[in-house]
């Protein structure tokens, strides 16, 4: 359905950032804006980023 455009290191960074933001928001350390961590978490889990698609970017290694 979606083209994969999020590579390995980028994916790990997105997953970690999303989990940290959600954890901090859930524990009350930061405000409700921390729930924006759902965005990097989702893009990391799905390995696709709509913004990357719009800009024509990809962090996936080229296959060839």
Protein backbone atom coordinates (compact mmCIF):
# COMPACT_ATOMS: atom_id res chain seq x y z
CA UNK A 1 0.00 0.00 0.00
CA UNK A 2 2.62 2.55 1.05
CA UNK A 3 6.13 2.69 -0.35
CA UNK A 4 8.80 1.90 2.26
CA UNK A 5 11.00 4.96 2.65
CA UNK A 6 12.26 4.74 6.25
CA UNK A 7 15.49 2.79 6.62
CA UNK A 8 17.06 0.91 9.54
CA UNK A 9 18.72 3.59 11.69
CA UNK A 10 15.99 6.11 10.92
CA UNK A 11 13.37 3.54 11.91
CA UNK A 12 15.05 2.74 15.23
CA UNK A 13 15.40 6.45 16.04
CA UNK A 14 11.71 7.05 15.29
CA UNK A 15 10.61 4.11 17.43
CA UNK A 16 12.78 5.20 20.36
CA UNK A 17 11.73 8.85 20.13
CA UNK A 18 8.06 7.89 19.92
CA UNK A 19 8.25 5.55 22.90
CA UNK A 20 10.16 8.09 25.01
CA UNK A 21 7.71 10.89 24.23
CA UNK A 22 4.70 8.69 24.95
CA UNK A 23 6.24 7.43 28.18
CA UNK A 24 7.02 10.94 29.38
CA UNK A 25 3.53 12.15 28.49
CA UNK A 26 1.83 9.19 30.16
CA UNK A 27 3.86 9.65 33.35
CA UNK A 28 3.07 13.37 33.49
CA UNK A 29 6.68 14.53 33.12
CA UNK A 30 5.79 16.53 30.02
CA UNK A 31 2.45 17.86 28.89
CA UNK A 32 -0.09 16.38 26.56
CA UNK A 33 1.99 17.48 23.57
CA UNK A 34 4.12 14.40 24.27
CA UNK A 35 1.39 12.30 22.69
CA UNK A 36 2.67 13.63 19.37
CA UNK A 37 5.10 10.71 19.87
CA UNK A 38 2.43 8.63 18.16
CA UNK A 39 3.59 10.10 14.83
CA UNK A 40 7.23 8.90 14.91
CA UNK A 41 6.10 5.63 16.49
CA UNK A 42 3.60 4.98 13.68
CA UNK A 43 6.03 5.95 10.91
CA UNK A 44 8.68 3.73 12.47
CA UNK A 45 6.33 0.76 12.77
CA UNK A 46 5.02 1.18 9.23
CA UNK A 47 8.45 2.02 7.72
CA UNK A 48 6.86 4.79 5.70
CA UNK A 49 6.76 8.55 6.16
CA UNK A 50 4.24 10.67 4.25
CA UNK A 51 6.48 13.75 4.51
CA UNK A 52 9.40 11.82 2.99
CA UNK A 53 7.08 10.76 0.14
CA UNK A 54 6.02 14.35 -0.54
CA UNK A 55 9.64 15.54 -0.55
CA UNK A 56 10.93 12.57 -2.56
CA UNK A 57 13.24 11.43 0.24
CA UNK A 58 14.17 7.94 1.41
CA UNK A 59 16.57 6.55 4.00
CA UNK A 60 16.21 2.99 2.72
CA UNK A 61 19.29 1.47 1.12
CA UNK A 62 19.06 1.17 -2.64
CA UNK A 63 18.62 -2.30 -4.01
CA UNK A 64 20.48 -3.16 -7.08
